[in-house]
Amino acid sequence: MREKLVHSLRQLALSHPLADITPEHLAQCAGVDVDIVNRTLGSPENYPALLAWEQPNETRERILQAAMQVFVQKGWQKTSLDEIAAAAGLTKGAIYWHFRNKHDLFFALVDARLHRDTSPVPDEIRQAITRSGDGDPQEAVAELFGAAWKRCASDRDWPRLYMEVVSQAQDPEIAARLQSMYSHLWDMSAGFVRVMQSGGLTRSDIPAETLAVLWCAIFDGVMFAAMANPGLDVGQMARQLIPVIWRGIAPSGPQE
């Protein structure tokens, strides 16, 4: 759905000023309800960043790399756009060409990380289903979760930065962007869960949307645990915790 809406947004932007495009226009162009537009993309203030992300270029990537570097060094709140521009070797105007403010920069980094961490998941689920058919489904799920958790915990700087921004959720814009991000993440994760259910990796009598929220909450917890304990072996933790979780999610039948 996100890809469809961004495609429609790009088409509208060819003939209309971006500032004039409303959620209602976008919903009509995409042939969906306006509530879906708002839930998936957030407010119209997000539209410039969405188009910039869907059309990445070298300058934009330089800005994102510099932003991550300075955010890690100084923290999100204490970082200025001037400092990011200096780190990227660009003018502040170049920053504003691609991003409206620090909020846009941070959530563009979130999008990039989500893409990196979730892209391998469909193949990993298919492999887990195959291994489940050949042996122990519980072990297949443990390996699936272990791989995902390792990606979540691979960058020790990211959880600190993420926690700092989330702690500012009293800011209405941050709250709205977080809501939009998690709505997208839960929808995507529910799709993963449905594949797991159809492949016999988890029980099918619990709504996929409910299990998706559970998975995401666990992943967030693992990420923060790895931040607090840099020596944590998340792969080993997956093998220890999955047997506990398995008793609640295992499909009905001999596996239980």
Protein backbone atom coordinates (compact mmCIF):
# COMPACT_ATOMS: atom_id res chain seq x y z
CA MET A 1 0.00 0.00 0.00
CA ARG A 2 2.83 2.41 0.85
CA GLU A 3 4.41 1.90 -2.58
CA LYS A 4 1.07 2.46 -4.31
CA LEU A 5 0.44 5.70 -2.43
CA VAL A 6 3.95 7.06 -3.03
CA HIS A 7 3.58 6.25 -6.74
CA SER A 8 0.28 8.17 -6.82
CA LEU A 9 1.91 11.04 -4.94
CA ARG A 10 4.70 11.18 -7.51
CA GLN A 11 2.17 11.26 -10.35
CA LEU A 12 0.24 14.12 -8.74
CA ALA A 13 3.47 16.04 -8.11
CA LEU A 14 4.13 16.10 -11.85
CA SER A 15 1.14 18.37 -12.42
CA HIS A 16 0.47 20.01 -9.04
CA PRO A 17 2.63 21.94 -6.56
CA LEU A 18 3.43 19.57 -3.73
CA ALA A 19 2.05 22.04 -1.16
CA ASP A 20 -1.37 21.87 -2.90
CA ILE A 21 -1.70 18.08 -2.73
CA THR A 22 -4.09 17.02 0.03
CA PRO A 23 -4.79 13.55 1.46
CA GLU A 24 -8.17 13.71 -0.29
CA HIS A 25 -6.51 14.31 -3.69
CA LEU A 26 -4.07 11.47 -3.04
CA ALA A 27 -6.84 9.10 -1.93
CA GLN A 28 -8.82 9.85 -5.08
CA CYS A 29 -5.78 9.30 -7.30
CA ALA A 30 -4.89 6.01 -5.60
CA GLY A 31 -8.50 4.81 -5.39
CA VAL A 32 -8.42 4.27 -1.63
CA ASP A 33 -10.08 5.75 1.44
CA VAL A 34 -8.52 8.93 2.83
CA ASP A 35 -8.09 7.24 6.23
CA ILE A 36 -5.71 4.75 4.60
CA VAL A 37 -3.66 7.64 3.19
CA ASN A 38 -3.40 9.35 6.57
CA ARG A 39 -2.61 6.13 8.42
CA THR A 40 0.06 5.01 5.95
CA LEU A 41 1.81 8.28 5.04
CA GLY A 42 0.91 10.59 7.90
CA SER A 43 0.25 14.29 7.35
CA PRO A 44 0.93 16.18 4.08
CA GLU A 45 4.02 17.64 5.76
CA ASN A 46 5.63 14.23 5.22
CA TYR A 47 5.12 14.26 1.44
CA PRO A 48 8.38 16.05 0.46
CA ALA A 49 10.46 13.63 2.54
CA LEU A 50 8.59 10.65 1.10
CA LEU A 51 9.32 11.73 -2.46
CA ALA A 52 12.94 12.46 -1.60
CA TRP A 53 13.33 9.00 -0.06
CA GLU A 54 11.77 7.28 -3.06
CA GLN A 55 14.18 9.11 -5.36
CA PRO A 56 17.49 8.87 -3.51
CA ASN A 57 20.60 10.56 -4.84
CA GLU A 58 24.19 11.03 -3.84
CA THR A 59 23.64 14.36 -2.07
CA ARG A 60 20.77 13.00 -0.03
CA GLU A 61 22.82 9.99 1.02
CA ARG A 62 25.68 12.28 2.08
CA ILE A 63 23.26 14.24 4.24
CA LEU A 64 21.88 11.09 5.87
CA GLN A 65 25.34 9.71 6.59
CA ALA A 66 26.44 13.02 8.08
CA ALA A 67 23.24 13.29 10.13
CA MET A 68 23.75 9.84 11.62
CA GLN A 69 27.36 10.67 12.46
CA VAL A 70 26.53 13.96 14.19
CA PHE A 71 23.41 12.59 15.90
CA VAL A 72 25.51 9.81 17.44
CA GLN A 73 28.24 12.23 18.53
CA LYS A 74 26.06 14.99 19.98
CA GLY A 75 22.58 13.53 20.36
CA TRP A 76 19.52 14.38 18.30
CA GLN A 77 18.36 17.31 20.42
CA LYS A 78 21.73 19.07 20.55
CA THR A 79 22.48 18.69 16.85
CA SER A 80 21.80 21.61 14.52
CA LEU A 81 21.21 21.51 10.78
CA ASP A 82 24.26 23.76 10.40
CA GLU A 83 26.42 21.06 11.99
CA ILE A 84 24.97 18.39 9.72
CA ALA A 85 25.57 20.58 6.67
CA ALA A 86 29.18 21.14 7.74
CA ALA A 87 29.74 17.42 8.30
CA ALA A 88 28.31 16.68 4.85
CA GLY A 89 30.35 19.45 3.20
CA LEU A 90 27.16 21.14 2.00
CA THR A 91 25.21 24.32 2.58
CA LYS A 92 22.25 24.48 4.92
CA GLY A 93 20.13 25.23 1.87
CA ALA A 94 21.06 21.83 0.46
CA ILE A 95 19.71 20.24 3.63
CA TYR A 96 16.41 22.07 3.24
CA TRP A 97 16.16 21.01 -0.40
CA HIS A 98 15.86 17.40 0.75
CA PHE A 99 14.52 17.62 4.31
CA ARG A 100 12.16 19.98 6.07
CA ASN A 101 13.78 19.67 9.51
CA LYS A 102 15.56 17.28 11.88
CA HIS A 103 12.38 15.24 12.20
CA ASP A 104 12.51 14.45 8.48
CA LEU A 105 16.17 13.53 8.73
CA PHE A 106 15.65 11.15 11.62
CA PHE A 107 12.64 9.38 10.12
CA ALA A 108 14.45 9.03 6.80
CA LEU A 109 17.14 7.18 8.77
CA VAL A 110 14.38 5.05 10.31
CA ASP A 111 13.02 4.19 6.86
CA ALA A 112 16.49 3.20 5.66
CA ARG A 113 17.06 0.99 8.68
CA LEU A 114 13.67 -0.68 8.39
CA HIS A 115 14.36 -1.41 4.74
CA ARG A 116 17.73 -2.92 5.61
CA ASP A 117 16.41 -5.02 8.48
CA THR A 118 13.20 -6.29 6.88
CA SER A 119 14.31 -6.95 3.29
CA PRO A 120 15.79 -10.39 4.13
CA VAL A 121 12.75 -11.52 6.15
CA PRO A 122 10.58 -13.00 3.34
CA ASP A 123 13.41 -15.29 2.19
CA GLU A 124 14.23 -16.21 5.79
CA ILE A 125 10.60 -17.16 6.46
CA ARG A 126 10.53 -19.36 3.35
CA GLN A 127 13.75 -21.05 4.48
CA ALA A 128 12.31 -21.55 7.98
CA ILE A 129 9.17 -23.16 6.53
CA THR A 130 11.35 -25.54 4.52
CA ARG A 131 13.47 -26.43 7.57
CA SER A 132 10.30 -26.88 9.62
CA GLY A 133 9.04 -29.46 7.14
CA ASP A 134 12.34 -31.32 7.34
CA GLY A 135 12.71 -31.27 11.11
CA ASP A 136 11.88 -29.26 14.23
CA PRO A 137 9.62 -26.21 13.61
CA GLN A 138 10.61 -24.72 16.97
CA GLU A 139 14.27 -24.74 15.96
CA ALA A 140 13.37 -23.17 12.61
CA VAL A 141 11.53 -20.33 14.38
CA ALA A 142 14.46 -19.85 16.79
CA GLU A 143 16.85 -19.45 13.85
CA LEU A 144 14.43 -17.07 12.11
CA PHE A 145 14.11 -14.83 15.16
CA GLY A 146 17.80 -15.07 15.97
CA ALA A 147 18.76 -13.71 12.55
CA ALA A 148 16.27 -10.84 12.83
CA TRP A 149 17.36 -9.98 16.37
CA LYS A 150 21.02 -9.90 15.36
CA ARG A 151 20.23 -7.32 12.69
CA CYS A 152 18.28 -5.24 15.22
CA ALA A 153 21.22 -5.29 17.63
CA SER A 154 24.04 -4.94 15.09
CA ASP A 155 24.42 -1.17 15.50
CA ARG A 156 24.91 -0.25 19.16
CA ASP A 157 24.55 3.48 18.48
CA TRP A 158 21.13 3.25 16.88
CA PRO A 159 19.10 2.21 19.98
CA ARG A 160 20.43 5.19 21.95
CA LEU A 161 19.49 7.60 19.18
CA TYR A 162 16.10 5.97 18.66
CA MET A 163 15.31 6.06 22.38
CA GLU A 164 16.26 9.75 22.56
CA VAL A 165 13.84 10.70 19.79
CA VAL A 166 11.04 8.45 21.07
CA SER A 167 11.39 10.14 24.46
CA GLN A 168 10.36 13.38 22.73
CA ALA A 169 6.96 11.97 21.73
CA GLN A 170 5.23 14.83 23.53
CA ASP A 171 6.14 16.78 20.38
CA PRO A 172 3.00 16.41 18.20
CA GLU A 173 5.00 15.96 15.00
CA ILE A 174 7.18 13.22 16.48
CA ALA A 175 4.11 11.51 17.94
CA ALA A 176 2.36 11.57 14.55
CA ARG A 177 5.44 10.29 12.72
CA LEU A 178 5.91 7.47 15.24
CA GLN A 179 2.27 6.49 14.88
CA SER A 180 2.60 6.41 11.10
CA MET A 181 5.86 4.45 11.28
CA TYR A 182 4.51 1.81 13.64
CA SER A 183 1.29 1.49 11.64
CA HIS A 184 3.37 0.73 8.55
CA LEU A 185 5.65 -1.63 10.49
CA TRP A 186 2.73 -3.53 12.03
CA ASP A 187 1.01 -3.88 8.65
CA MET A 188 4.20 -5.21 7.07
CA SER A 189 4.85 -7.55 10.01
CA ALA A 190 1.28 -8.86 9.85
CA GLY A 191 2.01 -9.88 6.27
CA PHE A 192 5.06 -11.80 7.47
CA VAL A 193 2.98 -13.48 10.19
CA ARG A 194 0.34 -14.61 7.67
CA VAL A 195 3.05 -16.36 5.66
CA MET A 196 4.31 -18.01 8.86
CA GLN A 197 0.76 -19.10 9.71
CA SER A 198 0.17 -20.57 6.26
CA GLY A 199 3.51 -22.38 6.49
CA GLY A 200 2.73 -23.91 9.88
CA LEU A 201 5.28 -21.88 11.84
CA THR A 202 2.78 -20.31 14.22
CA ARG A 203 -0.81 -20.77 15.29
CA SER A 204 -3.49 -19.37 13.03
CA ASP A 205 -6.26 -18.81 15.58
CA ILE A 206 -4.65 -15.54 16.75
CA PRO A 207 -5.06 -12.57 14.38
CA ALA A 208 -1.89 -11.83 12.43
CA GLU A 209 -2.20 -8.17 13.43
CA THR A 210 -2.06 -9.11 17.13
CA LEU A 211 1.01 -11.31 16.70
CA ALA A 212 2.66 -8.58 14.61
CA VAL A 213 2.40 -6.11 17.49
CA LEU A 214 3.87 -8.75 19.82
CA TRP A 215 6.82 -9.44 17.49
CA CYS A 216 7.59 -5.74 17.09
CA ALA A 217 7.43 -5.18 20.85
CA ILE A 218 9.86 -8.07 21.40
CA PHE A 219 12.23 -6.73 18.74
CA ASP A 220 12.19 -3.27 20.33
CA GLY A 221 12.96 -4.86 23.68
CA VAL A 222 15.86 -6.87 22.26
CA MET A 223 17.29 -3.74 20.63
CA PHE A 224 17.21 -1.83 23.92
CA ALA A 225 18.59 -4.82 25.86
CA ALA A 226 21.53 -4.97 23.46
CA MET A 227 22.12 -1.26 24.06
CA ALA A 228 22.24 -1.80 27.82
CA ASN A 229 24.39 -4.92 27.55
CA PRO A 230 26.84 -4.72 24.60
CA GLY A 231 28.02 -8.26 25.28
CA LEU A 232 24.55 -9.75 24.90
CA ASP A 233 24.42 -12.69 22.47
CA VAL A 234 21.01 -12.16 20.91
CA GLY A 235 21.28 -15.32 18.82
CA GLN A 236 21.75 -17.40 21.95
CA MET A 237 18.97 -15.47 23.67
CA ALA A 238 16.61 -16.37 20.81
CA ARG A 239 17.36 -20.05 21.33
CA GLN A 240 16.65 -19.70 25.05
CA LEU A 241 13.47 -17.62 24.76
CA ILE A 242 11.79 -19.21 21.74
CA PRO A 243 10.97 -22.44 23.67
CA VAL A 244 9.12 -20.25 26.19
CA ILE A 245 7.31 -18.24 23.51
CA TRP A 246 6.68 -21.38 21.46
CA ARG A 247 4.27 -22.81 24.00
CA GLY A 248 2.02 -19.84 23.29
CA ILE A 249 2.42 -19.51 19.51
CA ALA A 250 2.94 -23.12 18.37
CA PRO A 251 0.37 -24.38 15.86
CA SER A 252 -2.05 -27.01 17.12
CA GLY A 253 -0.96 -30.58 16.62
CA PRO A 254 2.00 -32.81 17.41
CA GLN A 255 4.41 -29.85 17.72
CA GLU A 256 2.83 -28.81 21.03
